[in-house]
PDB file of all heavy atoms in Angstrom:
ATOM      1  N   MET A   1       0.835  -1.191   0.010  1.00  0.00           N
ATOM      2  CA  MET A   1       0.002  -0.001   0.009  1.00  0.00           C
ATOM      3  C   MET A   1       0.862   1.232  -0.001  1.00  0.00           C
ATOM      4  O   MET A   1       1.929   1.300   0.580  1.00  0.00           O
ATOM      5  CB  MET A   1      -0.908   0.002   1.225  1.00  0.00           C
ATOM      6  CG  MET A   1      -1.742   1.281   1.356  1.00  0.00           C
ATOM      7  SD  MET A   1      -3.035   1.108   2.594  1.00  0.00           S
ATOM      8  CE  MET A   1      -3.631   2.776   2.617  1.00  0.00           C
ATOM      9  N   ILE A   2       0.403   2.277  -0.715  1.00  0.00           N
ATOM     10  CA  ILE A   2       1.167   3.509  -0.792  1.00  0.00           C
ATOM     11  C   ILE A   2       1.155   4.224   0.541  1.00  0.00           C
ATOM     12  O   ILE A   2       0.176   4.284   1.243  1.00  0.00           O
ATOM     13  CB  ILE A   2       0.545   4.427  -1.878  1.00  0.00           C
ATOM     14  CG1 ILE A   2       0.593   3.741  -3.273  1.00  0.00           C
ATOM     15  CG2 ILE A   2       1.198   5.758  -1.922  1.00  0.00           C
ATOM     16  CD1 ILE A   2       1.986   3.490  -3.724  1.00  0.00           C
ATOM     17  N   SER A   3       2.299   4.784   0.914  1.00  0.00           N
ATOM     18  CA  SER A   3       2.376   5.559   2.137  1.00  0.00           C
ATOM     19  C   SER A   3       1.501   6.803   2.034  1.00  0.00           C
ATOM     20  O   SER A   3       1.237   7.300   0.957  1.00  0.00           O
ATOM     21  CB  SER A   3       3.817   6.009   2.383  1.00  0.00           C
ATOM     22  OG  SER A   3       3.872   7.018   3.338  1.00  0.00           O
ATOM     23  N   LYS A   4       1.072   7.303   3.200  1.00  0.00           N
ATOM     24  CA  LYS A   4       0.197   8.464   3.213  1.00  0.00           C
ATOM     25  C   LYS A   4       1.003   9.771   3.351  1.00  0.00           C
ATOM     26  O   LYS A   4       0.435  10.840   3.582  1.00  0.00           O
ATOM     27  CB  LYS A   4      -0.801   8.345   4.356  1.00  0.00           C
ATOM     28  CG  LYS A   4      -1.725   7.139   4.162  1.00  0.00           C
ATOM     29  CD  LYS A   4      -2.661   6.951   5.335  1.00  0.00           C
ATOM     30  CE  LYS A   4      -3.538   5.743   5.113  1.00  0.00           C
ATOM     31  NZ  LYS A   4      -4.433   5.477   6.238  1.00  0.00           N
ATOM     32  N   LYS A   5       2.268   9.681   3.176  1.00  0.00           N
ATOM     33  CA  LYS A   5       3.092  10.891   3.259  1.00  0.00           C
ATOM     34  C   LYS A   5       2.891  11.687   1.986  1.00  0.00           C
ATOM     35  O   LYS A   5       2.830  11.196   0.897  1.00  0.00           O
ATOM     36  CB  LYS A   5       4.548  10.568   3.463  1.00  0.00           C
ATOM     37  CG  LYS A   5       4.886  10.029   4.852  1.00  0.00           C
ATOM     38  CD  LYS A   5       6.357   9.914   5.049  1.00  0.00           C
ATOM     39  CE  LYS A   5       7.040  11.252   5.064  1.00  0.00           C
ATOM     40  NZ  LYS A   5       8.457  11.202   5.352  1.00  0.00           N
ATOM     41  N   ALA A   6       2.870  12.999   2.110  1.00  0.00           N
ATOM     42  CA  ALA A   6       2.737  13.868   0.962  1.00  0.00           C
ATOM     43  C   ALA A   6       4.071  14.016   0.259  1.00  0.00           C
ATOM     44  O   ALA A   6       5.128  13.628   0.768  1.00  0.00           O
ATOM     45  CB  ALA A   6       2.174  15.231   1.379  1.00  0.00           C
ATOM     46  N   ALA A   7       4.018  14.565  -0.956  1.00  0.00           N
ATOM     47  CA  ALA A   7       5.241  14.816  -1.705  1.00  0.00           C
ATOM     48  C   ALA A   7       6.145  15.754  -0.914  1.00  0.00           C
ATOM     49  O   ALA A   7       5.721  16.592  -0.135  1.00  0.00           O
ATOM     50  CB  ALA A   7       4.889  15.470  -3.012  1.00  0.00           C
ATOM     51  N   GLU A   8       7.467  15.614  -1.139  1.00  0.00           N
ATOM     52  CA  GLU A   8       8.411  16.432  -0.397  1.00  0.00           C
ATOM     53  C   GLU A   8       8.592  17.781  -1.085  1.00  0.00           C
ATOM     54  O   GLU A   8       7.718  18.214  -1.851  1.00  0.00           O
ATOM     55  CB  GLU A   8       9.714  15.647  -0.265  1.00  0.00           C
ATOM     56  CG  GLU A   8       9.497  14.387   0.584  1.00  0.00           C
ATOM     57  CD  GLU A   8      10.761  13.711   1.014  1.00  0.00           C
ATOM     58  OE1 GLU A   8      11.850  14.168   0.602  1.00  0.00           O
ATOM     59  OE2 GLU A   8      10.675  12.728   1.746  1.00  0.00           O
ATOM     60  N   THR A   9       9.674  18.442  -0.858  1.00  0.00           N
ATOM     61  CA  THR A   9       9.760  19.843  -1.179  1.00  0.00           C
ATOM     62  C   THR A   9       9.988  20.164  -2.650  1.00  0.00           C
ATOM     63  O   THR A   9      10.015  21.341  -3.013  1.00  0.00           O
ATOM     64  CB  THR A   9      10.907  20.483  -0.364  1.00  0.00           C
ATOM     65  OG1 THR A   9      12.108  19.772  -0.615  1.00  0.00           O
ATOM     66  CG2 THR A   9      10.581  20.439   1.122  1.00  0.00           C
ATOM     67  N   SER A  10      10.193  19.197  -3.508  1.00  0.00           N
ATOM     68  CA  SER A  10      10.331  19.467  -4.937  1.00  0.00           C
ATOM     69  C   SER A  10       9.119  20.243  -5.417  1.00  0.00           C
ATOM     70  O   SER A  10       7.992  19.937  -5.080  1.00  0.00           O
ATOM     71  CB  SER A  10      10.501  18.161  -5.713  1.00  0.00           C
ATOM     72  OG  SER A  10      11.666  17.473  -5.319  1.00  0.00           O
ATOM     73  N   LYS A  11       9.360  21.244  -6.208  1.00  0.00           N
ATOM     74  CA  LYS A  11       8.275  22.143  -6.559  1.00  0.00           C
ATOM     75  C   LYS A  11       8.110  22.297  -8.077  1.00  0.00           C
ATOM     76  O   LYS A  11       8.960  21.894  -8.855  1.00  0.00           O
ATOM     77  CB  LYS A  11       8.565  23.561  -5.976  1.00  0.00           C
ATOM     78  CG  LYS A  11       9.919  24.106  -6.362  1.00  0.00           C
ATOM     79  CD  LYS A  11      10.059  25.560  -5.991  1.00  0.00           C
ATOM     80  CE  LYS A  11       9.284  26.439  -6.956  1.00  0.00           C
ATOM     81  NZ  LYS A  11       9.497  27.869  -6.706  1.00  0.00           N
ATOM     82  N   THR A  12       6.981  22.893  -8.420  1.00  0.00           N
ATOM     83  CA  THR A  12       6.750  23.243  -9.824  1.00  0.00           C
ATOM     84  C   THR A  12       7.607  24.446 -10.144  1.00  0.00           C
ATOM     85  O   THR A  12       7.624  25.450  -9.450  1.00  0.00           O
ATOM     86  CB  THR A  12       5.273  23.564 -10.038  1.00  0.00           C
ATOM     87  OG1 THR A  12       4.494  22.451  -9.630  1.00  0.00           O
ATOM     88  CG2 THR A  12       5.004  23.853 -11.506  1.00  0.00           C
ATOM     89  N   ILE A  13       8.341  24.346 -11.262  1.00  0.00           N
ATOM     90  CA  ILE A  13       9.190  25.458 -11.704  1.00  0.00           C
ATOM     91  C   ILE A  13       8.471  26.181 -12.842  1.00  0.00           C
ATOM     92  O   ILE A  13       8.065  25.546 -13.818  1.00  0.00           O
ATOM     93  CB  ILE A  13      10.570  24.917 -12.207  1.00  0.00           C
ATOM     94  CG1 ILE A  13      11.269  24.121 -11.089  1.00  0.00           C
ATOM     95  CG2 ILE A  13      11.451  26.065 -12.712  1.00  0.00           C
ATOM     96  CD1 ILE A  13      12.509  23.379 -11.550  1.00  0.00           C
ATOM     97  N   ARG A  14       8.345  27.498 -12.675  1.00  0.00           N
ATOM     98  CA  ARG A  14       7.607  28.333 -13.668  1.00  0.00           C
ATOM     99  C   ARG A  14       8.529  29.424 -14.142  1.00  0.00           C
ATOM    100  O   ARG A  14       8.608  30.502 -13.539  1.00  0.00           O
ATOM    101  CB  ARG A  14       6.363  28.899 -13.021  1.00  0.00           C
ATOM    102  CG  ARG A  14       5.325  27.905 -12.570  1.00  0.00           C
ATOM    103  CD  ARG A  14       4.209  28.605 -11.838  1.00  0.00           C
ATOM    104  NE  ARG A  14       3.150  27.682 -11.431  1.00  0.00           N
ATOM    105  CZ  ARG A  14       2.140  27.329 -12.186  1.00  0.00           C
ATOM    106  NH1 ARG A  14       2.019  27.751 -13.451  1.00  0.00           N
ATOM    107  NH2 ARG A  14       1.193  26.494 -11.739  1.00  0.00           N
ATOM    108  N   PRO A  15       9.235  29.198 -15.242  1.00  0.00           N
ATOM    109  CA  PRO A  15      10.156  30.210 -15.753  1.00  0.00           C
ATOM    110  C   PRO A  15       9.416  31.497 -16.132  1.00  0.00           C
ATOM    111  O   PRO A  15       8.328  31.465 -16.669  1.00  0.00           O
ATOM    112  CB  PRO A  15      10.745  29.560 -16.989  1.00  0.00           C
ATOM    113  CG  PRO A  15      10.519  28.110 -16.837  1.00  0.00           C
ATOM    114  CD  PRO A  15       9.261  27.986 -16.069  1.00  0.00           C
ATOM    115  N   ILE A  16      10.006  32.641 -15.819  1.00  0.00           N
ATOM    116  CA  ILE A  16       9.428  33.931 -16.137  1.00  0.00           C
ATOM    117  C   ILE A  16       9.503  34.186 -17.649  1.00  0.00           C
ATOM    118  O   ILE A  16      10.531  33.968 -18.277  1.00  0.00           O
ATOM    119  CB  ILE A  16      10.116  35.057 -15.367  1.00  0.00           C
ATOM    120  CG1 ILE A  16       9.944  34.823 -13.869  1.00  0.00           C
ATOM    121  CG2 ILE A  16       9.611  36.432 -15.761  1.00  0.00           C
ATOM    122  CD1 ILE A  16      10.806  35.747 -12.996  1.00  0.00           C
ATOM    123  N   ALA A  17       8.380  34.593 -18.228  1.00  0.00           N
ATOM    124  CA  ALA A  17       8.287  34.971 -19.630  1.00  0.00           C
ATOM    125  C   ALA A  17       8.414  33.798 -20.581  1.00  0.00           C
ATOM    126  O   ALA A  17       8.456  33.991 -21.829  1.00  0.00           O
ATOM    127  CB  ALA A  17       9.331  36.018 -19.988  1.00  0.00           C
ATOM    128  N   ALA A  18       8.419  32.563 -20.100  1.00  0.00           N
ATOM    129  CA  ALA A  18       8.495  31.397 -20.991  1.00  0.00           C
ATOM    130  C   ALA A  18       7.120  31.070 -21.549  1.00  0.00           C
ATOM    131  O   ALA A  18       6.094  31.248 -20.892  1.00  0.00           O
ATOM    132  CB  ALA A  18       9.059  30.182 -20.233  1.00  0.00           C
ATOM    133  N   SER A  19       7.091  30.556 -22.785  1.00  0.00           N
ATOM    134  CA  SER A  19       5.826  30.231 -23.414  1.00  0.00           C
ATOM    135  C   SER A  19       5.742  28.783 -23.901  1.00  0.00           C
ATOM    136  O   SER A  19       4.656  28.227 -23.990  1.00  0.00           O
ATOM    137  CB  SER A  19       5.573  31.161 -24.601  1.00  0.00           C
ATOM    138  OG  SER A  19       6.639  31.131 -25.524  1.00  0.00           O
ATOM    139  N   SER A  20       6.865  28.143 -24.202  1.00  0.00           N
ATOM    140  CA  SER A  20       6.802  26.795 -24.751  1.00  0.00           C
ATOM    141  C   SER A  20       8.136  26.068 -24.511  1.00  0.00           C
ATOM    142  O   SER A  20       8.983  25.968 -25.412  1.00  0.00           O
ATOM    143  CB  SER A  20       6.480  26.825 -26.246  1.00  0.00           C
ATOM    144  OG  SER A  20       6.294  25.540 -26.757  1.00  0.00           O
ATOM    145  N   ILE A  21       8.325  25.585 -23.277  1.00  0.00           N
ATOM    146  CA  ILE A  21       9.571  24.879 -22.931  1.00  0.00           C
ATOM    147  C   ILE A  21       9.611  23.494 -23.518  1.00  0.00           C
ATOM    148  O   ILE A  21       8.643  22.725 -23.393  1.00  0.00           O
ATOM    149  CB  ILE A  21       9.715  24.814 -21.405  1.00  0.00           C
ATOM    150  CG1 ILE A  21       9.842  26.206 -20.787  1.00  0.00           C
ATOM    151  CG2 ILE A  21      10.898  23.942 -20.982  1.00  0.00           C
ATOM    152  CD1 ILE A  21      11.099  26.961 -21.189  1.00  0.00           C
ATOM    153  N   TYR A  22      10.733  23.136 -24.129  1.00  0.00           N
ATOM    154  CA  TYR A  22      10.925  21.734 -24.613  1.00  0.00           C
ATOM    155  C   TYR A  22      12.139  21.136 -23.910  1.00  0.00           C
ATOM    156  O   TYR A  22      12.017  20.653 -22.799  1.00  0.00           O
ATOM    157  CB  TYR A  22      11.083  21.747 -26.151  1.00  0.00           C
ATOM    158  CG  TYR A  22       9.746  21.594 -26.839  1.00  0.00           C
ATOM    159  CD1 TYR A  22       8.828  22.641 -26.888  1.00  0.00           C
ATOM    160  CD2 TYR A  22       9.347  20.378 -27.390  1.00  0.00           C
ATOM    161  CE1 TYR A  22       7.593  22.504 -27.498  1.00  0.00           C
ATOM    162  CE2 TYR A  22       8.131  20.217 -28.016  1.00  0.00           C
ATOM    163  CZ  TYR A  22       7.247  21.263 -28.035  1.00  0.00           C
ATOM    164  OH  TYR A  22       6.011  21.116 -28.640  1.00  0.00           O
ATOM    165  N   GLY A  23      13.308  21.199 -24.547  1.00  0.00           N
ATOM    166  CA  GLY A  23      14.454  20.520 -23.937  1.00  0.00           C
ATOM    167  C   GLY A  23      14.891  21.181 -22.667  1.00  0.00           C
ATOM    168  O   GLY A  23      14.912  22.403 -22.516  1.00  0.00           O
ATOM    169  N   ILE A  24      15.219  20.327 -21.630  1.00  0.00           N
ATOM    170  CA  ILE A  24      15.708  20.852 -20.344  1.00  0.00           C
ATOM    171  C   ILE A  24      16.930  20.065 -19.887  1.00  0.00           C
ATOM    172  O   ILE A  24      17.040  18.859 -20.181  1.00  0.00           O
ATOM    173  CB  ILE A  24      14.619  20.829 -19.268  1.00  0.00           C
ATOM    174  CG1 ILE A  24      14.071  19.406 -19.023  1.00  0.00           C
ATOM    175  CG2 ILE A  24      13.487  21.795 -19.592  1.00  0.00           C
ATOM    176  CD1 ILE A  24      13.120  19.286 -17.858  1.00  0.00           C
ATOM    177  N   VAL A  25      17.819  20.731 -19.121  1.00  0.00           N
ATOM    178  CA  VAL A  25      19.011  20.101 -18.562  1.00  0.00           C
ATOM    179  C   VAL A  25      19.346  20.786 -17.238  1.00  0.00           C
ATOM    180  O   VAL A  25      19.257  22.017 -17.190  1.00  0.00           O
ATOM    181  CB  VAL A  25      20.223  20.216 -19.525  1.00  0.00           C
ATOM    182  CG1 VAL A  25      21.467  19.680 -18.829  1.00  0.00           C
ATOM    183  CG2 VAL A  25      20.007  19.494 -20.816  1.00  0.00           C
ATOM    184  N   PHE A  26      19.698  20.021 -16.218  1.00  0.00           N
ATOM    185  CA  PHE A  26      20.210  20.629 -14.994  1.00  0.00           C
ATOM    186  C   PHE A  26      21.714  20.749 -15.135  1.00  0.00           C
ATOM    187  O   PHE A  26      22.432  19.786 -15.462  1.00  0.00           O
ATOM    188  CB  PHE A  26      19.835  19.791 -13.778  1.00  0.00           C
ATOM    189  CG  PHE A  26      18.418  19.965 -13.354  1.00  0.00           C
ATOM    190  CD1 PHE A  26      17.422  19.104 -13.843  1.00  0.00           C
ATOM    191  CD2 PHE A  26      18.057  20.972 -12.496  1.00  0.00           C
ATOM    192  CE1 PHE A  26      16.092  19.265 -13.448  1.00  0.00           C
ATOM    193  CE2 PHE A  26      16.722  21.164 -12.137  1.00  0.00           C
ATOM    194  CZ  PHE A  26      15.738  20.308 -12.588  1.00  0.00           C
ATOM    195  N   HIS A  27      22.256  21.963 -14.859  1.00  0.00           N
ATOM    196  CA  HIS A  27      23.656  22.241 -15.099  1.00  0.00           C
ATOM    197  C   HIS A  27      24.141  23.267 -14.082  1.00  0.00           C
ATOM    198  O   HIS A  27      23.680  24.381 -14.023  1.00  0.00           O
ATOM    199  CB  HIS A  27      23.865  22.784 -16.527  1.00  0.00           C
ATOM    200  CG  HIS A  27      25.278  23.066 -16.884  1.00  0.00           C
ATOM    201  ND1 HIS A  27      26.267  22.099 -16.920  1.00  0.00           N
ATOM    202  CD2 HIS A  27      25.888  24.230 -17.220  1.00  0.00           C
ATOM    203  CE1 HIS A  27      27.432  22.637 -17.282  1.00  0.00           C
ATOM    204  NE2 HIS A  27      27.230  23.949 -17.471  1.00  0.00           N
ATOM    205  N   LYS A  28      25.090  22.826 -13.223  1.00  0.00           N
ATOM    206  CA  LYS A  28      25.732  23.698 -12.248  1.00  0.00           C
ATOM    207  C   LYS A  28      24.732  24.438 -11.366  1.00  0.00           C
ATOM    208  O   LYS A  28      24.844  25.651 -11.150  1.00  0.00           O
ATOM    209  CB  LYS A  28      26.666  24.655 -12.934  1.00  0.00           C
ATOM    210  CG  LYS A  28      27.853  23.950 -13.621  1.00  0.00           C
ATOM    211  CD  LYS A  28      28.804  24.955 -14.217  1.00  0.00           C
ATOM    212  CE  LYS A  28      30.017  24.208 -14.814  1.00  0.00           C
ATOM    213  NZ  LYS A  28      30.998  25.136 -15.461  1.00  0.00           N
ATOM    214  N   GLY A  29      23.720  23.713 -10.881  1.00  0.00           N
ATOM    215  CA  GLY A  29      22.744  24.288  -9.952  1.00  0.00           C
ATOM    216  C   GLY A  29      21.601  25.043 -10.590  1.00  0.00           C
ATOM    217  O   GLY A  29      20.712  25.525  -9.899  1.00  0.00           O
ATOM    218  N   PHE A  30      21.619  25.149 -11.905  1.00  0.00           N
ATOM    219  CA  PHE A  30      20.555  25.832 -12.620  1.00  0.00           C
ATOM    220  C   PHE A  30      19.840  24.863 -13.536  1.00  0.00           C
ATOM    221  O   PHE A  30      20.381  23.829 -13.931  1.00  0.00           O
ATOM    222  CB  PHE A  30      21.102  27.023 -13.451  1.00  0.00           C
ATOM    223  CG  PHE A  30      21.600  28.175 -12.624  1.00  0.00           C
ATOM    224  CD1 PHE A  30      22.940  28.208 -12.243  1.00  0.00           C
ATOM    225  CD2 PHE A  30      20.760  29.156 -12.229  1.00  0.00           C
ATOM    226  CE1 PHE A  30      23.433  29.275 -11.489  1.00  0.00           C
ATOM    227  CE2 PHE A  30      21.245  30.242 -11.453  1.00  0.00           C
ATOM    228  CZ  PHE A  30      22.573  30.285 -11.099  1.00  0.00           C
ATOM    229  N   LEU A  31      18.629  25.227 -13.913  1.00  0.00           N
ATOM    230  CA  LEU A  31      17.917  24.512 -14.956  1.00  0.00           C
ATOM    231  C   LEU A  31      18.064  25.295 -16.226  1.00  0.00           C
ATOM    232  O   LEU A  31      17.681  26.481 -16.301  1.00  0.00           O
ATOM    233  CB  LEU A  31      16.426  24.353 -14.578  1.00  0.00           C
ATOM    234  CG  LEU A  31      15.538  23.710 -15.674  1.00  0.00           C
ATOM    235  CD1 LEU A  31      15.927  22.267 -15.899  1.00  0.00           C
ATOM    236  CD2 LEU A  31      14.077  23.830 -15.291  1.00  0.00           C
ATOM    237  N   TRP A  32      18.623  24.654 -17.256  1.00  0.00           N
ATOM    238  CA  TRP A  32      18.707  25.263 -18.588  1.00  0.00           C
ATOM    239  C   TRP A  32      17.563  24.686 -19.436  1.00  0.00           C
ATOM    240  O   TRP A  32      17.275  23.513 -19.382  1.00  0.00           O
ATOM    241  CB  TRP A  32      20.044  24.967 -19.246  1.00  0.00           C
ATOM    242  CG  TRP A  32      21.198  25.678 -18.586  1.00  0.00           C
ATOM    243  CD1 TRP A  32      21.371  25.990 -17.270  1.00  0.00           C
ATOM    244  CD2 TRP A  32      22.376  26.141 -19.239  1.00  0.00           C
ATOM    245  NE1 TRP A  32      22.551  26.603 -17.050  1.00  0.00           N
ATOM    246  CE2 TRP A  32      23.213  26.728 -18.229  1.00  0.00           C
ATOM    247  CE3 TRP A  32      22.852  26.141 -20.533  1.00  0.00           C
ATOM    248  CZ2 TRP A  32      24.445  27.300 -18.529  1.00  0.00           C
ATOM    249  CZ3 TRP A  32      24.097  26.696 -20.820  1.00  0.00           C
ATOM    250  CH2 TRP A  32      24.881  27.265 -19.847  1.00  0.00           C
TER     251      TRP A  32
END
């Protein structure tokens, strides 16, 4: 059975002024 704990601190990332994100990469602490 699935645990009843909620999701941890990972969050939805909403880039400012972005309209259609496709390729993504994590690089040196940033999301490209």
